[in-house]
PDB file of N, CA and C in Angstrom:
ATOM      1  N   MET A   1     -15.726 -19.054  11.686  1.00  0.00           N
ATOM      2  CA  MET A   1     -17.085 -18.513  11.375  1.00  0.00           C
ATOM      3  C   MET A   1     -17.101 -17.033  11.727  1.00  0.00           C
ATOM      4  N   ASN A   2     -17.412 -16.212  10.794  1.00  0.00           N
ATOM      5  CA  ASN A   2     -17.460 -14.818  11.120  1.00  0.00           C
ATOM      6  C   ASN A   2     -18.828 -14.333  11.544  1.00  0.00           C
ATOM      7  N   ALA A   3     -18.899 -13.418  12.370  1.00  0.00           N
ATOM      8  CA  ALA A   3     -20.141 -12.970  12.841  1.00  0.00           C
ATOM      9  C   ALA A   3     -20.772 -12.101  11.710  1.00  0.00           C
ATOM     10  N   ALA A   4     -22.068 -11.764  11.938  1.00  0.00           N
ATOM     11  CA  ALA A   4     -22.738 -10.910  10.906  1.00  0.00           C
ATOM     12  C   ALA A   4     -22.070  -9.632  10.806  1.00  0.00           C
ATOM     13  N   PRO A   5     -21.953  -8.958   9.652  1.00  0.00           N
ATOM     14  CA  PRO A   5     -21.354  -7.686   9.524  1.00  0.00           C
ATOM     15  C   PRO A   5     -22.065  -6.610  10.221  1.00  0.00           C
ATOM     16  N   ASN A   6     -21.349  -5.748  10.796  1.00  0.00           N
ATOM     17  CA  ASN A   6     -21.983  -4.648  11.513  1.00  0.00           C
ATOM     18  C   ASN A   6     -21.876  -3.439  10.589  1.00  0.00           C
ATOM     19  N   GLN A   7     -23.064  -3.303   9.895  1.00  0.00           N
ATOM     20  CA  GLN A   7     -23.217  -2.305   8.783  1.00  0.00           C
ATOM     21  C   GLN A   7     -22.961  -0.844   9.252  1.00  0.00           C
ATOM     22  N   PRO A   8     -23.489  -0.312  10.338  1.00  0.00           N
ATOM     23  CA  PRO A   8     -23.071   1.034  10.696  1.00  0.00           C
ATOM     24  C   PRO A   8     -21.572   1.186  11.009  1.00  0.00           C
ATOM     25  N   MET A   9     -21.010   0.342  11.664  1.00  0.00           N
ATOM     26  CA  MET A   9     -19.599   0.423  11.969  1.00  0.00           C
ATOM     27  C   MET A   9     -18.753   0.328  10.702  1.00  0.00           C
ATOM     28  N   GLU A  10     -19.149  -0.551   9.806  1.00  0.00           N
ATOM     29  CA  GLU A  10     -18.329  -0.623   8.549  1.00  0.00           C
ATOM     30  C   GLU A  10     -18.427   0.683   7.688  1.00  0.00           C
ATOM     31  N   ILE A  11     -19.640   1.310   7.667  1.00  0.00           N
ATOM     32  CA  ILE A  11     -19.796   2.605   7.081  1.00  0.00           C
ATOM     33  C   ILE A  11     -18.979   3.708   7.762  1.00  0.00           C
ATOM     34  N   PHE A  12     -18.966   3.597   9.075  1.00  0.00           N
ATOM     35  CA  PHE A  12     -18.164   4.612   9.794  1.00  0.00           C
ATOM     36  C   PHE A  12     -16.666   4.400   9.396  1.00  0.00           C
ATOM     37  N   LEU A  13     -16.228   3.121   9.411  1.00  0.00           N
ATOM     38  CA  LEU A  13     -14.867   2.895   9.115  1.00  0.00           C
ATOM     39  C   LEU A  13     -14.475   3.349   7.702  1.00  0.00           C
ATOM     40  N   ILE A  14     -15.314   3.133   6.784  1.00  0.00           N
ATOM     41  CA  ILE A  14     -15.093   3.467   5.410  1.00  0.00           C
ATOM     42  C   ILE A  14     -14.912   5.051   5.312  1.00  0.00           C
ATOM     43  N   ILE A  15     -15.833   5.712   5.963  1.00  0.00           N
ATOM     44  CA  ILE A  15     -15.789   7.271   5.961  1.00  0.00           C
ATOM     45  C   ILE A  15     -14.578   7.684   6.739  1.00  0.00           C
ATOM     46  N   ALA A  16     -14.210   7.079   7.799  1.00  0.00           N
ATOM     47  CA  ALA A  16     -12.888   7.459   8.441  1.00  0.00           C
ATOM     48  C   ALA A  16     -11.730   7.220   7.564  1.00  0.00           C
ATOM     49  N   GLY A  17     -11.638   6.020   6.854  1.00  0.00           N
ATOM     50  CA  GLY A  17     -10.582   5.831   5.897  1.00  0.00           C
ATOM     51  C   GLY A  17     -10.522   6.829   4.837  1.00  0.00           C
ATOM     52  N   ILE A  18     -11.639   7.210   4.274  1.00  0.00           N
ATOM     53  CA  ILE A  18     -11.674   8.137   3.198  1.00  0.00           C
ATOM     54  C   ILE A  18     -11.192   9.551   3.715  1.00  0.00           C
ATOM     55  N   SER A  19     -11.696   9.878   4.888  1.00  0.00           N
ATOM     56  CA  SER A  19     -11.264  11.101   5.483  1.00  0.00           C
ATOM     57  C   SER A  19      -9.776  11.191   5.689  1.00  0.00           C
ATOM     58  N   LEU A  20      -9.190  10.123   6.141  1.00  0.00           N
ATOM     59  CA  LEU A  20      -7.749  10.017   6.416  1.00  0.00           C
ATOM     60  C   LEU A  20      -6.984  10.107   5.077  1.00  0.00           C
ATOM     61  N   LEU A  21      -7.572   9.597   4.050  1.00  0.00           N
ATOM     62  CA  LEU A  21      -6.964   9.629   2.729  1.00  0.00           C
ATOM     63  C   LEU A  21      -6.901  11.029   2.229  1.00  0.00           C
ATOM     64  N   ILE A  22      -8.010  11.763   2.374  1.00  0.00           N
ATOM     65  CA  ILE A  22      -8.154  13.149   2.074  1.00  0.00           C
ATOM     66  C   ILE A  22      -7.177  13.997   2.876  1.00  0.00           C
ATOM     67  N   PHE A  23      -7.095  13.759   4.188  1.00  0.00           N
ATOM     68  CA  PHE A  23      -6.137  14.436   5.019  1.00  0.00           C
ATOM     69  C   PHE A  23      -4.668  14.184   4.681  1.00  0.00           C
ATOM     70  N   MET A  24      -4.440  13.201   3.982  1.00  0.00           N
ATOM     71  CA  MET A  24      -3.059  12.920   3.516  1.00  0.00           C
ATOM     72  C   MET A  24      -2.552  13.907   2.474  1.00  0.00           C
ATOM     73  N   PHE A  25      -3.478  14.610   1.827  1.00  0.00           N
ATOM     74  CA  PHE A  25      -3.047  15.597   0.817  1.00  0.00           C
ATOM     75  C   PHE A  25      -2.411  16.849   1.374  1.00  0.00           C
ATOM     76  N   MET A  26      -2.841  17.218   2.643  1.00  0.00           N
ATOM     77  CA  MET A  26      -2.230  18.420   3.218  1.00  0.00           C
ATOM     78  C   MET A  26      -0.697  18.253   3.467  1.00  0.00           C
ATOM     79  N   PRO A  27      -0.300  17.087   4.122  1.00  0.00           N
ATOM     80  CA  PRO A  27       1.140  16.959   4.248  1.00  0.00           C
ATOM     81  C   PRO A  27       1.954  16.655   2.912  1.00  0.00           C
ATOM     82  N   LEU A  28       1.196  16.112   1.920  1.00  0.00           N
ATOM     83  CA  LEU A  28       1.737  15.884   0.588  1.00  0.00           C
ATOM     84  C   LEU A  28       2.128  17.244  -0.068  1.00  0.00           C
ATOM     85  N   TYR A  29       1.321  18.241   0.217  1.00  0.00           N
ATOM     86  CA  TYR A  29       1.644  19.555  -0.366  1.00  0.00           C
ATOM     87  C   TYR A  29       2.932  20.082   0.341  1.00  0.00           C
ATOM     88  N   ARG A  30       3.133  19.881   1.623  1.00  0.00           N
ATOM     89  CA  ARG A  30       4.295  20.254   2.351  1.00  0.00           C
ATOM     90  C   ARG A  30       5.554  19.449   1.809  1.00  0.00           C
ATOM     91  N   VAL A  31       5.260  18.165   1.389  1.00  0.00           N
ATOM     92  CA  VAL A  31       6.500  17.399   0.854  1.00  0.00           C
ATOM     93  C   VAL A  31       6.842  17.983  -0.437  1.00  0.00           C
ATOM     94  N   VAL A  32       5.848  18.394  -1.252  1.00  0.00           N
ATOM     95  CA  VAL A  32       6.254  18.833  -2.647  1.00  0.00           C
ATOM     96  C   VAL A  32       6.738  20.245  -2.564  1.00  0.00           C
ATOM     97  N   ARG A  33       6.172  21.139  -1.860  1.00  0.00           N
ATOM     98  CA  ARG A  33       6.432  22.555  -1.807  1.00  0.00           C
ATOM     99  C   ARG A  33       7.118  22.987  -0.560  1.00  0.00           C
ATOM    100  N   GLY A  34       7.637  22.070   0.276  1.00  0.00           N
ATOM    101  CA  GLY A  34       8.291  22.556   1.597  1.00  0.00           C
ATOM    102  C   GLY A  34       9.458  23.352   1.395  1.00  0.00           C
ATOM    103  N   PRO A  35       9.478  24.409   2.137  1.00  0.00           N
ATOM    104  CA  PRO A  35      10.643  25.346   1.972  1.00  0.00           C
ATOM    105  C   PRO A  35      11.982  24.725   2.579  1.00  0.00           C
ATOM    106  N   THR A  36      11.871  23.779   3.437  1.00  0.00           N
ATOM    107  CA  THR A  36      13.073  23.192   3.922  1.00  0.00           C
ATOM    108  C   THR A  36      13.060  21.618   3.822  1.00  0.00           C
ATOM    109  N   VAL A  37      14.206  20.974   3.988  1.00  0.00           N
ATOM    110  CA  VAL A  37      14.251  19.643   3.918  1.00  0.00           C
ATOM    111  C   VAL A  37      13.553  18.970   5.161  1.00  0.00           C
ATOM    112  N   ILE A  38      13.737  19.675   6.253  1.00  0.00           N
ATOM    113  CA  ILE A  38      13.038  19.255   7.507  1.00  0.00           C
ATOM    114  C   ILE A  38      11.640  19.140   7.338  1.00  0.00           C
ATOM    115  N   SER A  39      11.037  20.200   6.782  1.00  0.00           N
ATOM    116  CA  SER A  39       9.495  20.161   6.610  1.00  0.00           C
ATOM    117  C   SER A  39       9.074  19.029   5.627  1.00  0.00           C
ATOM    118  N   ARG A  40       9.943  18.688   4.720  1.00  0.00           N
ATOM    119  CA  ARG A  40       9.581  17.583   3.791  1.00  0.00           C
ATOM    120  C   ARG A  40       9.702  16.334   4.521  1.00  0.00           C
ATOM    121  N   ILE A  41      10.687  16.156   5.270  1.00  0.00           N
ATOM    122  CA  ILE A  41      10.812  14.868   6.059  1.00  0.00           C
ATOM    123  C   ILE A  41       9.654  14.723   7.017  1.00  0.00           C
ATOM    124  N   LEU A  42       9.273  15.871   7.674  1.00  0.00           N
ATOM    125  CA  LEU A  42       8.137  15.798   8.556  1.00  0.00           C
ATOM    126  C   LEU A  42       6.885  15.424   7.834  1.00  0.00           C
ATOM    127  N   GLY A  43       6.702  16.008   6.665  1.00  0.00           N
ATOM    128  CA  GLY A  43       5.502  15.666   5.783  1.00  0.00           C
ATOM    129  C   GLY A  43       5.450  14.262   5.464  1.00  0.00           C
ATOM    130  N   VAL A  44       6.587  13.581   5.024  1.00  0.00           N
ATOM    131  CA  VAL A  44       6.654  12.157   4.691  1.00  0.00           C
ATOM    132  C   VAL A  44       6.302  11.342   5.982  1.00  0.00           C
ATOM    133  N   ASN A  45       6.812  11.735   7.078  1.00  0.00           N
ATOM    134  CA  ASN A  45       6.591  11.088   8.353  1.00  0.00           C
ATOM    135  C   ASN A  45       5.065  11.099   8.747  1.00  0.00           C
ATOM    136  N   VAL A  46       4.470  12.240   8.545  1.00  0.00           N
ATOM    137  CA  VAL A  46       2.968  12.375   8.829  1.00  0.00           C
ATOM    138  C   VAL A  46       2.246  11.436   7.859  1.00  0.00           C
ATOM    139  N   ILE A  47       2.556  11.417   6.619  1.00  0.00           N
ATOM    140  CA  ILE A  47       1.903  10.552   5.624  1.00  0.00           C
ATOM    141  C   ILE A  47       2.057   9.053   6.048  1.00  0.00           C
ATOM    142  N   GLY A  48       3.273   8.695   6.453  1.00  0.00           N
ATOM    143  CA  GLY A  48       3.532   7.336   6.957  1.00  0.00           C
ATOM    144  C   GLY A  48       2.614   6.974   8.119  1.00  0.00           C
ATOM    145  N   THR A  49       2.546   7.969   9.081  1.00  0.00           N
ATOM    146  CA  THR A  49       1.744   7.637  10.181  1.00  0.00           C
ATOM    147  C   THR A  49       0.220   7.474   9.880  1.00  0.00           C
ATOM    148  N   LYS A  50      -0.197   8.273   8.969  1.00  0.00           N
ATOM    149  CA  LYS A  50      -1.681   8.186   8.519  1.00  0.00           C
ATOM    150  C   LYS A  50      -1.855   6.845   7.727  1.00  0.00           C
ATOM    151  N   THR A  51      -0.888   6.429   6.962  1.00  0.00           N
ATOM    152  CA  THR A  51      -0.920   5.139   6.201  1.00  0.00           C
ATOM    153  C   THR A  51      -1.116   4.000   7.252  1.00  0.00           C
ATOM    154  N   THR A  52      -0.261   4.072   8.354  1.00  0.00           N
ATOM    155  CA  THR A  52      -0.321   3.005   9.315  1.00  0.00           C
ATOM    156  C   THR A  52      -1.727   2.896   9.925  1.00  0.00           C
ATOM    157  N   ILE A  53      -2.306   3.993  10.180  1.00  0.00           N
ATOM    158  CA  ILE A  53      -3.738   3.977  10.717  1.00  0.00           C
ATOM    159  C   ILE A  53      -4.639   3.452   9.735  1.00  0.00           C
ATOM    160  N   LEU A  54      -4.430   3.811   8.446  1.00  0.00           N
ATOM    161  CA  LEU A  54      -5.331   3.373   7.471  1.00  0.00           C
ATOM    162  C   LEU A  54      -5.273   1.864   7.197  1.00  0.00           C
ATOM    163  N   ILE A  55      -3.985   1.328   7.385  1.00  0.00           N
ATOM    164  CA  ILE A  55      -3.921  -0.170   7.282  1.00  0.00           C
ATOM    165  C   ILE A  55      -4.654  -0.788   8.415  1.00  0.00           C
ATOM    166  N   ILE A  56      -4.681  -0.268   9.545  1.00  0.00           N
ATOM    167  CA  ILE A  56      -5.394  -0.857  10.707  1.00  0.00           C
ATOM    168  C   ILE A  56      -6.898  -0.762  10.445  1.00  0.00           C
ATOM    169  N   ILE A  57      -7.320   0.326   9.841  1.00  0.00           N
ATOM    170  CA  ILE A  57      -8.763   0.459   9.512  1.00  0.00           C
ATOM    171  C   ILE A  57      -9.176  -0.572   8.497  1.00  0.00           C
ATOM    172  N   ILE A  58      -8.350  -0.750   7.403  1.00  0.00           N
ATOM    173  CA  ILE A  58      -8.605  -1.790   6.419  1.00  0.00           C
ATOM    174  C   ILE A  58      -8.736  -3.197   7.056  1.00  0.00           C
ATOM    175  N   GLY A  59      -7.794  -3.490   8.037  1.00  0.00           N
ATOM    176  CA  GLY A  59      -7.851  -4.731   8.686  1.00  0.00           C
ATOM    177  C   GLY A  59      -9.123  -4.971   9.474  1.00  0.00           C
ATOM    178  N   THR A  60      -9.637  -3.765  10.112  1.00  0.00           N
ATOM    179  CA  THR A  60     -10.920  -3.839  10.877  1.00  0.00           C
ATOM    180  C   THR A  60     -12.029  -4.198   9.909  1.00  0.00           C
ATOM    181  N   ILE A  61     -12.080  -3.528   8.763  1.00  0.00           N
ATOM    182  CA  ILE A  61     -13.102  -3.686   7.798  1.00  0.00           C
ATOM    183  C   ILE A  61     -13.132  -5.144   7.313  1.00  0.00           C
ATOM    184  N   TYR A  62     -11.902  -5.798   7.091  1.00  0.00           N
ATOM    185  CA  TYR A  62     -11.862  -7.119   6.630  1.00  0.00           C
ATOM    186  C   TYR A  62     -11.930  -8.166   7.713  1.00  0.00           C
ATOM    187  N   ASN A  63     -12.161  -7.756   8.981  1.00  0.00           N
ATOM    188  CA  ASN A  63     -12.110  -8.623  10.146  1.00  0.00           C
ATOM    189  C   ASN A  63     -10.917  -9.464  10.195  1.00  0.00           C
ATOM    190  N   ARG A  64      -9.783  -8.910   9.853  1.00  0.00           N
ATOM    191  CA  ARG A  64      -8.447  -9.678  10.011  1.00  0.00           C
ATOM    192  C   ARG A  64      -7.455  -8.637  10.678  1.00  0.00           C
ATOM    193  N   VAL A  65      -7.851  -8.030  11.754  1.00  0.00           N
ATOM    194  CA  VAL A  65      -6.958  -7.141  12.400  1.00  0.00           C
ATOM    195  C   VAL A  65      -5.661  -7.707  12.741  1.00  0.00           C
ATOM    196  N   GLU A  66      -5.646  -8.916  13.292  1.00  0.00           N
ATOM    197  CA  GLU A  66      -4.369  -9.573  13.673  1.00  0.00           C
ATOM    198  C   GLU A  66      -3.347  -9.744  12.695  1.00  0.00           C
ATOM    199  N   MET A  67      -3.710  -9.815  11.344  1.00  0.00           N
ATOM    200  CA  MET A  67      -2.802  -9.811  10.237  1.00  0.00           C
ATOM    201  C   MET A  67      -2.349  -8.411   9.893  1.00  0.00           C
ATOM    202  N   PHE A  68      -3.248  -7.498   9.860  1.00  0.00           N
ATOM    203  CA  PHE A  68      -2.958  -6.174   9.408  1.00  0.00           C
ATOM    204  C   PHE A  68      -2.273  -5.355  10.468  1.00  0.00           C
ATOM    205  N   VAL A  69      -2.337  -5.728  11.743  1.00  0.00           N
ATOM    206  CA  VAL A  69      -1.499  -5.106  12.809  1.00  0.00           C
ATOM    207  C   VAL A  69      -0.056  -5.327  12.490  1.00  0.00           C
ATOM    208  N   ASP A  70       0.272  -6.584  12.125  1.00  0.00           N
ATOM    209  CA  ASP A  70       1.687  -6.908  11.919  1.00  0.00           C
ATOM    210  C   ASP A  70       2.233  -6.122  10.703  1.00  0.00           C
ATOM    211  N   ILE A  71       1.441  -5.994   9.698  1.00  0.00           N
ATOM    212  CA  ILE A  71       1.761  -5.221   8.483  1.00  0.00           C
ATOM    213  C   ILE A  71       1.994  -3.685   8.862  1.00  0.00           C
ATOM    214  N   ALA A  72       0.959  -3.216   9.732  1.00  0.00           N
ATOM    215  CA  ALA A  72       1.081  -1.748  10.140  1.00  0.00           C
ATOM    216  C   ALA A  72       2.247  -1.556  10.959  1.00  0.00           C
ATOM    217  N   LEU A  73       2.608  -2.437  11.915  1.00  0.00           N
ATOM    218  CA  LEU A  73       3.778  -2.276  12.793  1.00  0.00           C
ATOM    219  C   LEU A  73       5.134  -2.308  11.914  1.00  0.00           C
ATOM    220  N   ALA A  74       5.161  -3.198  11.000  1.00  0.00           N
ATOM    221  CA  ALA A  74       6.370  -3.243  10.168  1.00  0.00           C
ATOM    222  C   ALA A  74       6.482  -1.924   9.368  1.00  0.00           C
ATOM    223  N   TYR A  75       5.344  -1.492   8.806  1.00  0.00           N
ATOM    224  CA  TYR A  75       5.400  -0.223   8.097  1.00  0.00           C
ATOM    225  C   TYR A  75       5.784   0.987   8.904  1.00  0.00           C
ATOM    226  N   ALA A  76       5.175   1.052  10.075  1.00  0.00           N
ATOM    227  CA  ALA A  76       5.572   2.172  11.017  1.00  0.00           C
ATOM    228  C   ALA A  76       7.033   2.087  11.363  1.00  0.00           C
ATOM    229  N   LEU A  77       7.548   0.954  11.641  1.00  0.00           N
ATOM    230  CA  LEU A  77       9.051   0.851  11.982  1.00  0.00           C
ATOM    231  C   LEU A  77       9.833   1.233  10.748  1.00  0.00           C
ATOM    232  N   LEU A  78       9.503   0.900   9.539  1.00  0.00           N
ATOM    233  CA  LEU A  78      10.297   1.306   8.408  1.00  0.00           C
ATOM    234  C   LEU A  78      10.074   2.821   8.193  1.00  0.00           C
ATOM    235  N   ASN A  79       8.921   3.344   8.465  1.00  0.00           N
ATOM    236  CA  ASN A  79       8.712   4.782   8.364  1.00  0.00           C
ATOM    237  C   ASN A  79       9.624   5.554   9.340  1.00  0.00           C
ATOM    238  N   PHE A  80       9.654   5.017  10.501  1.00  0.00           N
ATOM    239  CA  PHE A  80      10.468   5.736  11.534  1.00  0.00           C
ATOM    240  C   PHE A  80      11.984   5.671  11.220  1.00  0.00           C
ATOM    241  N   ILE A  81      12.471   4.439  10.808  1.00  0.00           N
ATOM    242  CA  ILE A  81      13.896   4.324  10.413  1.00  0.00           C
ATOM    243  C   ILE A  81      14.213   5.194   9.219  1.00  0.00           C
ATOM    244  N   ALA A  82      13.319   5.231   8.311  1.00  0.00           N
ATOM    245  CA  ALA A  82      13.656   6.098   7.085  1.00  0.00           C
ATOM    246  C   ALA A  82      13.724   7.554   7.479  1.00  0.00           C
ATOM    247  N   SER A  83      12.853   8.053   8.435  1.00  0.00           N
ATOM    248  CA  SER A  83      12.934   9.439   8.864  1.00  0.00           C
ATOM    249  C   SER A  83      14.087   9.639   9.508  1.00  0.00           C
ATOM    250  N   LEU A  84      14.601   8.763  10.378  1.00  0.00           N
ATOM    251  CA  LEU A  84      15.812   9.004  11.127  1.00  0.00           C
ATOM    252  C   LEU A  84      17.009   8.958  10.160  1.00  0.00           C
ATOM    253  N   ALA A  85      16.999   8.066   9.181  1.00  0.00           N
ATOM    254  CA  ALA A  85      18.183   8.021   8.194  1.00  0.00           C
ATOM    255  C   ALA A  85      18.239   9.312   7.381  1.00  0.00           C
ATOM    256  N   ALA A  86      17.096   9.811   6.947  1.00  0.00           N
ATOM    257  CA  ALA A  86      17.061  11.050   6.150  1.00  0.00           C
ATOM    258  C   ALA A  86      17.571  12.214   6.928  1.00  0.00           C
ATOM    259  N   ALA A  87      17.073  12.259   8.217  1.00  0.00           N
ATOM    260  CA  ALA A  87      17.452  13.376   9.166  1.00  0.00           C
ATOM    261  C   ALA A  87      18.980  13.304   9.453  1.00  0.00           C
ATOM    262  N   ARG A  88      19.433  12.129   9.602  1.00  0.00           N
ATOM    263  CA  ARG A  88      20.854  11.944   9.934  1.00  0.00           C
ATOM    264  C   ARG A  88      21.760  12.373   8.660  1.00  0.00           C
ATOM    265  N   PHE A  89      21.260  11.955   7.464  1.00  0.00           N
ATOM    266  CA  PHE A  89      21.899  12.234   6.242  1.00  0.00           C
ATOM    267  C   PHE A  89      21.989  13.739   6.044  1.00  0.00           C
ATOM    268  N   PHE A  90      20.966  14.498   6.170  1.00  0.00           N
ATOM    269  CA  PHE A  90      20.998  15.890   5.991  1.00  0.00           C
ATOM    270  C   PHE A  90      21.742  16.654   7.071  1.00  0.00           C
ATOM    271  N   GLN A  91      21.743  16.024   8.289  1.00  0.00           N
ATOM    272  CA  GLN A  91      22.517  16.666   9.335  1.00  0.00           C
ATOM    273  C   GLN A  91      23.942  16.603   9.097  1.00  0.00           C
ATOM    274  N   ARG A  92      24.439  15.485   8.550  1.00  0.00           N
ATOM    275  CA  ARG A  92      25.842  15.358   8.280  1.00  0.00           C
ATOM    276  C   ARG A  92      26.259  16.227   7.020  1.00  0.00           C
ATOM    277  N   HIS A  93      25.374  16.457   6.120  1.00  0.00           N
ATOM    278  CA  HIS A  93      25.738  17.130   4.981  1.00  0.00           C
ATOM    279  C   HIS A  93      25.449  18.680   5.048  1.00  0.00           C
ATOM    280  N   LYS A  94      24.793  19.030   6.130  1.00  0.00           N
ATOM    281  CA  LYS A  94      24.530  20.510   6.397  1.00  0.00           C
ATOM    282  C   LYS A  94      23.771  21.190   5.361  1.00  0.00           C
ATOM    283  N   GLN A  95      22.896  20.472   4.679  1.00  0.00           N
ATOM    284  CA  GLN A  95      22.072  21.029   3.572  1.00  0.00           C
ATOM    285  C   GLN A  95      20.622  21.024   3.943  1.00  0.00           C
ATOM    286  N   MET A  96      20.316  21.759   5.025  1.00  0.00           N
ATOM    287  CA  MET A  96      19.025  21.793   5.549  1.00  0.00           C
ATOM    288  C   MET A  96      18.093  22.679   4.684  1.00  0.00           C
ATOM    289  N   ASN A  97      18.628  23.666   4.029  1.00  0.00           N
ATOM    290  CA  ASN A  97      17.805  24.513   3.093  1.00  0.00           C
ATOM    291  C   ASN A  97      18.410  24.608   1.844  1.00  0.00           C
ATOM    292  N   PRO A  98      17.914  23.934   0.736  1.00  0.00           N
ATOM    293  CA  PRO A  98      18.484  23.911  -0.496  1.00  0.00           C
ATOM    294  C   PRO A  98      18.566  25.296  -1.321  1.00  0.00           C
ATOM    295  N   GLU A  99      17.645  26.185  -0.881  1.00  0.00           N
ATOM    296  CA  GLU A  99      17.576  27.479  -1.513  1.00  0.00           C
ATOM    297  C   GLU A  99      18.732  28.298  -1.165  1.00  0.00           C
ATOM    298  N   GLU A 100      19.352  28.024  -0.086  1.00  0.00           N
ATOM    299  CA  GLU A 100      20.556  28.781   0.350  1.00  0.00           C
ATOM    300  C   GLU A 100      21.835  28.481  -0.390  1.00  0.00           C
ATOM    301  N   ASP A 101      21.807  27.501  -1.226  1.00  0.00           N
ATOM    302  CA  ASP A 101      23.068  26.983  -1.908  1.00  0.00           C
ATOM    303  C   ASP A 101      23.366  27.907  -3.153  1.00  0.00           C
ATOM    304  N   THR A 102      22.674  28.936  -3.444  1.00  0.00           N
ATOM    305  CA  THR A 102      22.875  29.562  -4.720  1.00  0.00           C
ATOM    306  C   THR A 102      24.082  30.431  -4.683  1.00  0.00           C
TER     307      THR A 102
END
Protein backbone atom coordinates (compact mmCIF):
# COMPACT_ATOMS: atom_id res chain seq x y z
CA MET A 1 0.00 0.00 0.00
CA ASN A 2 1.50 3.30 -1.07
CA ALA A 3 1.22 6.43 1.00
CA ALA A 4 -0.58 9.48 -0.31
CA PRO A 5 1.49 11.30 -2.96
CA ASN A 6 3.46 14.24 -1.69
CA GLN A 7 2.51 16.82 -4.30
CA PRO A 8 5.09 19.56 -3.51
CA MET A 9 7.93 17.02 -3.39
CA GLU A 10 6.81 15.46 -6.66
CA ILE A 11 6.72 18.88 -8.33
CA PHE A 12 10.18 19.65 -6.96
CA LEU A 13 11.57 16.37 -8.29
CA ILE A 14 10.03 16.94 -11.71
CA ILE A 15 11.55 20.43 -11.86
CA ALA A 16 14.92 19.04 -10.73
CA GLY A 17 14.76 16.35 -13.42
CA ILE A 18 13.89 18.85 -16.14
CA SER A 19 16.72 21.12 -14.95
CA LEU A 20 19.16 18.21 -15.08
CA LEU A 21 17.97 17.38 -18.57
CA ILE A 22 18.56 20.97 -19.66
CA PHE A 23 22.01 20.98 -18.04
CA MET A 24 22.90 17.91 -20.10
CA PHE A 25 23.03 20.06 -23.22
CA MET A 26 26.16 21.93 -22.05
CA PRO A 27 28.40 18.84 -21.98
CA LEU A 28 26.67 17.62 -25.16
CA TYR A 29 28.05 20.69 -26.90
CA ARG A 30 31.52 19.74 -25.64
CA VAL A 31 31.05 16.19 -26.95
CA VAL A 32 30.10 17.42 -30.41
CA ARG A 33 32.49 20.39 -30.70
CA GLY A 34 35.26 19.41 -28.28
CA PRO A 35 38.69 20.39 -29.47
CA THR A 36 40.30 17.23 -28.06
CA VAL A 37 39.31 13.64 -27.54
CA ILE A 38 39.82 14.02 -23.79
CA SER A 39 37.24 16.82 -23.59
CA ARG A 40 34.80 14.65 -25.54
CA ILE A 41 35.35 11.69 -23.21
CA LEU A 42 34.87 13.97 -20.22
CA GLY A 43 31.64 15.35 -21.73
CA VAL A 44 30.25 11.86 -22.21
CA ASN A 45 31.21 10.99 -18.64
CA VAL A 46 29.40 14.07 -17.28
CA ILE A 47 26.29 13.20 -19.30
CA GLY A 48 26.41 9.65 -17.91
CA THR A 49 26.68 10.94 -14.36
CA LYS A 50 23.71 13.25 -14.82
CA THR A 51 21.75 10.37 -16.35
CA THR A 52 22.45 8.26 -13.27
CA ILE A 53 21.05 11.00 -11.04
CA LEU A 54 18.06 11.38 -13.36
CA ILE A 55 17.32 7.65 -13.03
CA ILE A 56 17.30 8.00 -9.23
CA ILE A 57 14.93 10.98 -9.48
CA ILE A 58 12.59 8.99 -11.70
CA GLY A 59 12.66 6.14 -9.17
CA THR A 60 11.78 8.57 -6.40
CA ILE A 61 8.83 9.94 -8.39
CA TYR A 62 7.49 6.41 -9.01
CA ASN A 63 8.11 5.37 -5.36
CA ARG A 64 10.32 2.48 -6.56
CA VAL A 65 13.75 3.74 -5.55
CA GLU A 66 14.97 0.24 -4.63
CA MET A 67 14.54 -0.93 -8.23
CA PHE A 68 15.88 2.22 -9.87
CA VAL A 69 18.97 2.33 -7.65
CA ASP A 70 20.07 -1.00 -9.09
CA ILE A 71 19.56 0.28 -12.62
CA ALA A 72 21.40 3.51 -11.82
CA LEU A 73 24.35 1.66 -10.27
CA ALA A 74 24.65 -0.63 -13.28
CA TYR A 75 24.50 2.36 -15.61
CA ALA A 76 27.11 4.25 -13.60
CA LEU A 77 29.43 1.25 -13.64
CA LEU A 78 29.05 0.87 -17.41
CA ASN A 79 29.68 4.61 -17.83
CA PHE A 80 32.86 4.39 -15.76
CA ILE A 81 34.16 1.31 -17.59
CA ALA A 82 33.43 2.87 -20.99
CA SER A 83 35.29 6.05 -20.02
CA LEU A 84 38.29 4.05 -18.88
CA ALA A 85 38.26 1.95 -22.03
CA ALA A 86 38.06 4.99 -24.30
CA ALA A 87 40.84 6.77 -22.42
CA ARG A 88 43.02 3.66 -22.54
CA PHE A 89 42.36 3.24 -26.28
CA PHE A 90 43.35 6.81 -27.09
CA GLN A 91 46.35 6.63 -24.79
CA ARG A 92 47.69 3.63 -26.66
CA HIS A 93 47.12 5.16 -30.08
CA LYS A 94 48.51 8.59 -29.14
CA GLN A 95 45.76 10.40 -31.02
CA MET A 96 44.62 12.77 -28.33
CA ASN A 97 44.08 15.68 -30.74
CA PRO A 98 42.70 14.68 -34.17
CA GLU A 99 43.32 18.16 -35.62
CA GLU A 100 47.11 17.64 -35.35
CA ASP A 101 47.08 14.71 -37.79
CA THR A 102 47.03 16.92 -40.91
